[in-house]
């Protein structure tokens, strides 16, 4: 699992877990089963990869602006 997630380091992602609707931010590092995600304000959050149900890169339009995400 961590090998797949390493492709997202430095990218803005949405991480869906079993208990939350989504964690949004940039993946900064991965250690053991933990993923560190930093939001645009600099707040960091750790997510256990055992509980991830889905991870995807934040969608953008043709001009590079963020699209609205509907879960």
PDB file of N, CA and C in Angstrom:
ATOM      1  N   UNK A   1       0.826  -1.198   0.000  1.00  0.00           N
ATOM      2  CA  UNK A   1       0.000   0.000   0.000  1.00  0.00           C
ATOM      3  C   UNK A   1       0.865   1.255   0.000  1.00  0.00           C
ATOM      4  N   UNK A   2       1.901   1.285   0.846  1.00  0.00           N
ATOM      5  CA  UNK A   2       2.743   2.477   0.933  1.00  0.00           C
ATOM      6  C   UNK A   2       3.480   2.752  -0.367  1.00  0.00           C
ATOM      7  N   UNK A   3       3.805   1.731  -1.122  1.00  0.00           N
ATOM      8  CA  UNK A   3       4.486   1.926  -2.402  1.00  0.00           C
ATOM      9  C   UNK A   3       3.595   2.694  -3.370  1.00  0.00           C
ATOM     10  N   UNK A   4       2.309   2.429  -3.370  1.00  0.00           N
ATOM     11  CA  UNK A   4       1.379   3.163  -4.228  1.00  0.00           C
ATOM     12  C   UNK A   4       1.214   4.600  -3.763  1.00  0.00           C
ATOM     13  N   UNK A   5       1.161   4.799  -2.471  1.00  0.00           N
ATOM     14  CA  UNK A   5       0.948   6.132  -1.917  1.00  0.00           C
ATOM     15  C   UNK A   5       2.175   7.022  -2.136  1.00  0.00           C
ATOM     16  N   UNK A   6       3.352   6.440  -2.225  1.00  0.00           N
ATOM     17  CA  UNK A   6       4.567   7.224  -2.456  1.00  0.00           C
ATOM     18  C   UNK A   6       4.492   8.012  -3.768  1.00  0.00           C
ATOM     19  N   UNK A   7       3.668   7.577  -4.701  1.00  0.00           N
ATOM     20  CA  UNK A   7       3.487   8.318  -5.951  1.00  0.00           C
ATOM     21  C   UNK A   7       2.811   9.661  -5.725  1.00  0.00           C
ATOM     22  N   UNK A   8       2.144   9.835  -4.590  1.00  0.00           N
ATOM     23  CA  UNK A   8       1.403  11.058  -4.294  1.00  0.00           C
ATOM     24  C   UNK A   8       2.196  12.071  -3.458  1.00  0.00           C
ATOM     25  N   UNK A   9       3.438  11.777  -3.110  1.00  0.00           N
ATOM     26  CA  UNK A   9       4.231  12.705  -2.304  1.00  0.00           C
ATOM     27  C   UNK A   9       4.419  14.001  -3.081  1.00  0.00           C
ATOM     28  N   UNK A  10       4.102  15.120  -2.432  1.00  0.00           N
ATOM     29  CA  UNK A  10       4.223  16.430  -3.051  1.00  0.00           C
ATOM     30  C   UNK A  10       3.000  16.861  -3.842  1.00  0.00           C
ATOM     31  N   UNK A  11       1.986  16.004  -3.938  1.00  0.00           N
ATOM     32  CA  UNK A  11       0.766  16.324  -4.676  1.00  0.00           C
ATOM     33  C   UNK A  11      -0.373  16.587  -3.700  1.00  0.00           C
ATOM     34  N   UNK A  12      -1.317  17.406  -4.134  1.00  0.00           N
ATOM     35  CA  UNK A  12      -2.493  17.679  -3.319  1.00  0.00           C
ATOM     36  C   UNK A  12      -3.509  16.568  -3.557  1.00  0.00           C
ATOM     37  N   UNK A  13      -3.960  15.956  -2.486  1.00  0.00           N
ATOM     38  CA  UNK A  13      -4.833  14.789  -2.585  1.00  0.00           C
ATOM     39  C   UNK A  13      -6.038  14.918  -1.669  1.00  0.00           C
ATOM     40  N   UNK A  14      -6.992  14.038  -1.902  1.00  0.00           N
ATOM     41  CA  UNK A  14      -8.126  13.840  -1.003  1.00  0.00           C
ATOM     42  C   UNK A  14      -8.039  12.392  -0.538  1.00  0.00           C
ATOM     43  N   UNK A  15      -7.982  12.206   0.782  1.00  0.00           N
ATOM     44  CA  UNK A  15      -7.889  10.863   1.349  1.00  0.00           C
ATOM     45  C   UNK A  15      -9.191  10.561   2.070  1.00  0.00           C
ATOM     46  N   UNK A  16      -9.840   9.493   1.660  1.00  0.00           N
ATOM     47  CA  UNK A  16     -11.084   9.057   2.294  1.00  0.00           C
ATOM     48  C   UNK A  16     -10.774   7.887   3.219  1.00  0.00           C
ATOM     49  N   UNK A  17     -11.258   7.989   4.458  1.00  0.00           N
ATOM     50  CA  UNK A  17     -11.088   6.901   5.417  1.00  0.00           C
ATOM     51  C   UNK A  17     -12.458   6.375   5.802  1.00  0.00           C
ATOM     52  N   UNK A  18     -12.458   5.339   6.615  1.00  0.00           N
ATOM     53  CA  UNK A  18     -13.722   4.753   7.056  1.00  0.00           C
ATOM     54  C   UNK A  18     -14.489   5.683   7.989  1.00  0.00           C
ATOM     55  N   UNK A  19     -13.766   6.528   8.725  1.00  0.00           N
ATOM     56  CA  UNK A  19     -14.432   7.351   9.736  1.00  0.00           C
ATOM     57  C   UNK A  19     -14.638   8.812   9.340  1.00  0.00           C
ATOM     58  N   UNK A  20     -13.979   9.292   8.272  1.00  0.00           N
ATOM     59  CA  UNK A  20     -14.156  10.697   7.904  1.00  0.00           C
ATOM     60  C   UNK A  20     -14.515  10.820   6.433  1.00  0.00           C
ATOM     61  N   UNK A  21     -15.098  11.957   6.086  1.00  0.00           N
ATOM     62  CA  UNK A  21     -15.525  12.158   4.699  1.00  0.00           C
ATOM     63  C   UNK A  21     -14.350  12.459   3.792  1.00  0.00           C
ATOM     64  N   UNK A  22     -13.279  13.000   4.314  1.00  0.00           N
ATOM     65  CA  UNK A  22     -12.118  13.254   3.480  1.00  0.00           C
ATOM     66  C   UNK A  22     -11.116  14.178   4.127  1.00  0.00           C
ATOM     67  N   UNK A  23      -9.847  13.877   3.944  1.00  0.00           N
ATOM     68  CA  UNK A  23      -8.755  14.708   4.413  1.00  0.00           C
ATOM     69  C   UNK A  23      -8.115  15.286   3.168  1.00  0.00           C
ATOM     70  N   UNK A  24      -8.045  16.611   3.083  1.00  0.00           N
ATOM     71  CA  UNK A  24      -7.494  17.263   1.913  1.00  0.00           C
ATOM     72  C   UNK A  24      -6.190  17.953   2.272  1.00  0.00           C
ATOM     73  N   UNK A  25      -5.189  17.788   1.414  1.00  0.00           N
ATOM     74  CA  UNK A  25      -3.915  18.457   1.631  1.00  0.00           C
ATOM     75  C   UNK A  25      -2.829  17.841   0.787  1.00  0.00           C
ATOM     76  N   UNK A  26      -1.613  18.287   1.010  1.00  0.00           N
ATOM     77  CA  UNK A  26      -0.453  17.801   0.277  1.00  0.00           C
ATOM     78  C   UNK A  26       0.245  16.729   1.100  1.00  0.00           C
ATOM     79  N   UNK A  27       0.519  15.599   0.482  1.00  0.00           N
ATOM     80  CA  UNK A  27       1.232  14.518   1.153  1.00  0.00           C
ATOM     81  C   UNK A  27       2.691  14.946   1.285  1.00  0.00           C
ATOM     82  N   UNK A  28       3.185  15.026   2.523  1.00  0.00           N
ATOM     83  CA  UNK A  28       4.555  15.477   2.738  1.00  0.00           C
ATOM     84  C   UNK A  28       5.519  14.329   2.998  1.00  0.00           C
ATOM     85  N   UNK A  29       5.069  13.292   3.708  1.00  0.00           N
ATOM     86  CA  UNK A  29       5.947  12.137   3.938  1.00  0.00           C
ATOM     87  C   UNK A  29       5.145  10.921   4.347  1.00  0.00           C
ATOM     88  N   UNK A  30       5.803   9.765   4.236  1.00  0.00           N
ATOM     89  CA  UNK A  30       5.184   8.490   4.590  1.00  0.00           C
ATOM     90  C   UNK A  30       6.181   7.706   5.430  1.00  0.00           C
ATOM     91  N   UNK A  31       5.737   7.249   6.599  1.00  0.00           N
ATOM     92  CA  UNK A  31       6.565   6.411   7.463  1.00  0.00           C
ATOM     93  C   UNK A  31       5.718   5.289   8.020  1.00  0.00           C
ATOM     94  N   UNK A  32       6.238   4.088   7.929  1.00  0.00           N
ATOM     95  CA  UNK A  32       5.529   2.885   8.368  1.00  0.00           C
ATOM     96  C   UNK A  32       4.126   2.883   7.753  1.00  0.00           C
ATOM     97  N   UNK A  33       3.091   2.930   8.551  1.00  0.00           N
ATOM     98  CA  UNK A  33       1.716   2.964   8.036  1.00  0.00           C
ATOM     99  C   UNK A  33       1.077   4.332   8.202  1.00  0.00           C
ATOM    100  N   UNK A  34       1.873   5.376   8.352  1.00  0.00           N
ATOM    101  CA  UNK A  34       1.348   6.717   8.576  1.00  0.00           C
ATOM    102  C   UNK A  34       1.686   7.640   7.419  1.00  0.00           C
ATOM    103  N   UNK A  35       0.710   8.463   7.055  1.00  0.00           N
ATOM    104  CA  UNK A  35       0.863   9.438   5.983  1.00  0.00           C
ATOM    105  C   UNK A  35       0.675  10.816   6.601  1.00  0.00           C
ATOM    106  N   UNK A  36       1.637  11.697   6.367  1.00  0.00           N
ATOM    107  CA  UNK A  36       1.526  13.064   6.875  1.00  0.00           C
ATOM    108  C   UNK A  36       0.969  13.945   5.761  1.00  0.00           C
ATOM    109  N   UNK A  37      -0.119  14.656   6.074  1.00  0.00           N
ATOM    110  CA  UNK A  37      -0.791  15.524   5.108  1.00  0.00           C
ATOM    111  C   UNK A  37      -0.789  16.942   5.666  1.00  0.00           C
ATOM    112  N   UNK A  38      -0.373  17.901   4.833  1.00  0.00           N
ATOM    113  CA  UNK A  38      -0.332  19.297   5.245  1.00  0.00           C
ATOM    114  C   UNK A  38      -1.345  20.099   4.433  1.00  0.00           C
ATOM    115  N   UNK A  39      -2.195  20.875   5.123  1.00  0.00           N
ATOM    116  CA  UNK A  39      -3.187  21.673   4.406  1.00  0.00           C
ATOM    117  C   UNK A  39      -2.581  23.009   3.980  1.00  0.00           C
ATOM    118  N   UNK A  40      -3.360  23.842   3.320  1.00  0.00           N
ATOM    119  CA  UNK A  40      -2.840  25.095   2.771  1.00  0.00           C
ATOM    120  C   UNK A  40      -2.465  26.112   3.840  1.00  0.00           C
ATOM    121  N   UNK A  41      -2.900  25.895   5.066  1.00  0.00           N
ATOM    122  CA  UNK A  41      -2.571  26.784   6.174  1.00  0.00           C
ATOM    123  C   UNK A  41      -1.349  26.312   6.960  1.00  0.00           C
ATOM    124  N   UNK A  42      -0.779  25.195   6.574  1.00  0.00           N
ATOM    125  CA  UNK A  42       0.391  24.659   7.254  1.00  0.00           C
ATOM    126  C   UNK A  42       0.084  23.688   8.371  1.00  0.00           C
ATOM    127  N   UNK A  43      -1.194  23.399   8.595  1.00  0.00           N
ATOM    128  CA  UNK A  43      -1.578  22.423   9.618  1.00  0.00           C
ATOM    129  C   UNK A  43      -1.293  21.022   9.113  1.00  0.00           C
ATOM    130  N   UNK A  44      -0.707  20.204   9.971  1.00  0.00           N
ATOM    131  CA  UNK A  44      -0.350  18.838   9.583  1.00  0.00           C
ATOM    132  C   UNK A  44      -1.272  17.843  10.269  1.00  0.00           C
ATOM    133  N   UNK A  45      -1.527  16.756   9.565  1.00  0.00           N
ATOM    134  CA  UNK A  45      -2.388  15.701  10.085  1.00  0.00           C
ATOM    135  C   UNK A  45      -1.791  14.359   9.670  1.00  0.00           C
ATOM    136  N   UNK A  46      -1.839  13.398  10.561  1.00  0.00           N
ATOM    137  CA  UNK A  46      -1.342  12.061  10.266  1.00  0.00           C
ATOM    138  C   UNK A  46      -2.533  11.133  10.053  1.00  0.00           C
ATOM    139  N   UNK A  47      -2.461  10.340   8.994  1.00  0.00           N
ATOM    140  CA  UNK A  47      -3.531   9.404   8.656  1.00  0.00           C
ATOM    141  C   UNK A  47      -2.926   8.007   8.601  1.00  0.00           C
ATOM    142  N   UNK A  48      -3.560   7.058   9.261  1.00  0.00           N
ATOM    143  CA  UNK A  48      -3.105   5.677   9.233  1.00  0.00           C
ATOM    144  C   UNK A  48      -3.540   5.036   7.926  1.00  0.00           C
ATOM    145  N   UNK A  49      -2.602   4.500   7.169  1.00  0.00           N
ATOM    146  CA  UNK A  49      -2.919   3.938   5.854  1.00  0.00           C
ATOM    147  C   UNK A  49      -3.760   2.672   5.939  1.00  0.00           C
ATOM    148  N   UNK A  50      -3.836   2.046   7.108  1.00  0.00           N
ATOM    149  CA  UNK A  50      -4.675   0.858   7.265  1.00  0.00           C
ATOM    150  C   UNK A  50      -6.159   1.196   7.129  1.00  0.00           C
ATOM    151  N   UNK A  51      -6.521   2.460   7.380  1.00  0.00           N
ATOM    152  CA  UNK A  51      -7.920   2.865   7.369  1.00  0.00           C
ATOM    153  C   UNK A  51      -8.325   3.643   6.120  1.00  0.00           C
ATOM    154  N   UNK A  52      -7.447   3.745   5.146  1.00  0.00           N
ATOM    155  CA  UNK A  52      -7.767   4.466   3.923  1.00  0.00           C
ATOM    156  C   UNK A  52      -8.621   3.587   3.021  1.00  0.00           C
ATOM    157  N   UNK A  53      -9.750   4.151   2.580  1.00  0.00           N
ATOM    158  CA  UNK A  53     -10.590   3.418   1.640  1.00  0.00           C
ATOM    159  C   UNK A  53     -10.361   3.901   0.211  1.00  0.00           C
ATOM    160  N   UNK A  54      -9.934   5.184   0.067  1.00  0.00           N
ATOM    161  CA  UNK A  54      -9.710   5.727  -1.273  1.00  0.00           C
ATOM    162  C   UNK A  54      -8.788   6.941  -1.173  1.00  0.00           C
ATOM    163  N   UNK A  55      -7.936   7.116  -2.168  1.00  0.00           N
ATOM    164  CA  UNK A  55      -7.078   8.289  -2.250  1.00  0.00           C
ATOM    165  C   UNK A  55      -7.039   8.733  -3.702  1.00  0.00           C
ATOM    166  N   UNK A  56      -7.178  10.053  -3.917  1.00  0.00           N
ATOM    167  CA  UNK A  56      -7.128  10.551  -5.289  1.00  0.00           C
ATOM    168  C   UNK A  56      -6.530  11.944  -5.308  1.00  0.00           C
ATOM    169  N   UNK A  57      -5.916  12.266  -6.443  1.00  0.00           N
ATOM    170  CA  UNK A  57      -5.345  13.592  -6.612  1.00  0.00           C
ATOM    171  C   UNK A  57      -6.474  14.598  -6.769  1.00  0.00           C
ATOM    172  N   UNK A  58      -6.286  15.781  -6.196  1.00  0.00           N
ATOM    173  CA  UNK A  58      -7.330  16.806  -6.238  1.00  0.00           C
ATOM    174  C   UNK A  58      -7.597  17.197  -7.692  1.00  0.00           C
ATOM    175  N   UNK A  59      -8.852  17.142  -8.125  1.00  0.00           N
ATOM    176  CA  UNK A  59      -9.163  17.439  -9.536  1.00  0.00           C
ATOM    177  C   UNK A  59      -9.004  18.922  -9.862  1.00  0.00           C
ATOM    178  N   UNK A  60      -8.521  19.190 -11.062  1.00  0.00           N
ATOM    179  CA  UNK A  60      -8.332  20.566 -11.530  1.00  0.00           C
ATOM    180  C   UNK A  60      -8.900  20.688 -12.937  1.00  0.00           C
ATOM    181  N   UNK A  61      -9.287  21.921 -13.298  1.00  0.00           N
ATOM    182  CA  UNK A  61      -9.814  22.140 -14.645  1.00  0.00           C
ATOM    183  C   UNK A  61      -8.660  22.416 -15.612  1.00  0.00           C
ATOM    184  N   UNK A  62      -8.974  22.785 -16.841  1.00  0.00           N
ATOM    185  CA  UNK A  62      -7.955  22.993 -17.866  1.00  0.00           C
ATOM    186  C   UNK A  62      -7.001  24.129 -17.538  1.00  0.00           C
ATOM    187  N   UNK A  63      -7.475  25.108 -16.793  1.00  0.00           N
ATOM    188  CA  UNK A  63      -6.646  26.259 -16.437  1.00  0.00           C
ATOM    189  C   UNK A  63      -5.837  26.030 -15.165  1.00  0.00           C
ATOM    190  N   UNK A  64      -5.992  24.880 -14.548  1.00  0.00           N
ATOM    191  CA  UNK A  64      -5.244  24.548 -13.340  1.00  0.00           C
ATOM    192  C   UNK A  64      -5.923  24.933 -12.045  1.00  0.00           C
ATOM    193  N   UNK A  65      -7.129  25.479 -12.128  1.00  0.00           N
ATOM    194  CA  UNK A  65      -7.856  25.841 -10.926  1.00  0.00           C
ATOM    195  C   UNK A  65      -8.528  24.592 -10.346  1.00  0.00           C
ATOM    196  N   UNK A  66      -8.703  24.602  -9.035  1.00  0.00           N
ATOM    197  CA  UNK A  66      -9.354  23.472  -8.374  1.00  0.00           C
ATOM    198  C   UNK A  66     -10.808  23.382  -8.766  1.00  0.00           C
ATOM    199  N   UNK A  67     -11.244  22.154  -9.010  1.00  0.00           N
ATOM    200  CA  UNK A  67     -12.665  21.908  -9.257  1.00  0.00           C
ATOM    201  C   UNK A  67     -13.359  21.658  -7.927  1.00  0.00           C
ATOM    202  N   UNK A  68     -14.665  21.853  -7.909  1.00  0.00           N
ATOM    203  CA  UNK A  68     -15.428  21.546  -6.703  1.00  0.00           C
ATOM    204  C   UNK A  68     -15.548  20.028  -6.593  1.00  0.00           C
ATOM    205  N   UNK A  69     -15.364  19.517  -5.407  1.00  0.00           N
ATOM    206  CA  UNK A  69     -15.392  18.074  -5.171  1.00  0.00           C
ATOM    207  C   UNK A  69     -16.714  17.712  -4.515  1.00  0.00           C
ATOM    208  N   UNK A  70     -17.395  16.747  -5.100  1.00  0.00           N
ATOM    209  CA  UNK A  70     -18.624  16.215  -4.532  1.00  0.00           C
ATOM    210  C   UNK A  70     -18.346  14.781  -4.130  1.00  0.00           C
ATOM    211  N   UNK A  71     -18.554  14.479  -2.831  1.00  0.00           N
ATOM    212  CA  UNK A  71     -18.258  13.133  -2.355  1.00  0.00           C
ATOM    213  C   UNK A  71     -19.415  12.208  -2.481  1.00  0.00           C
TER     214      UNK A  71
END
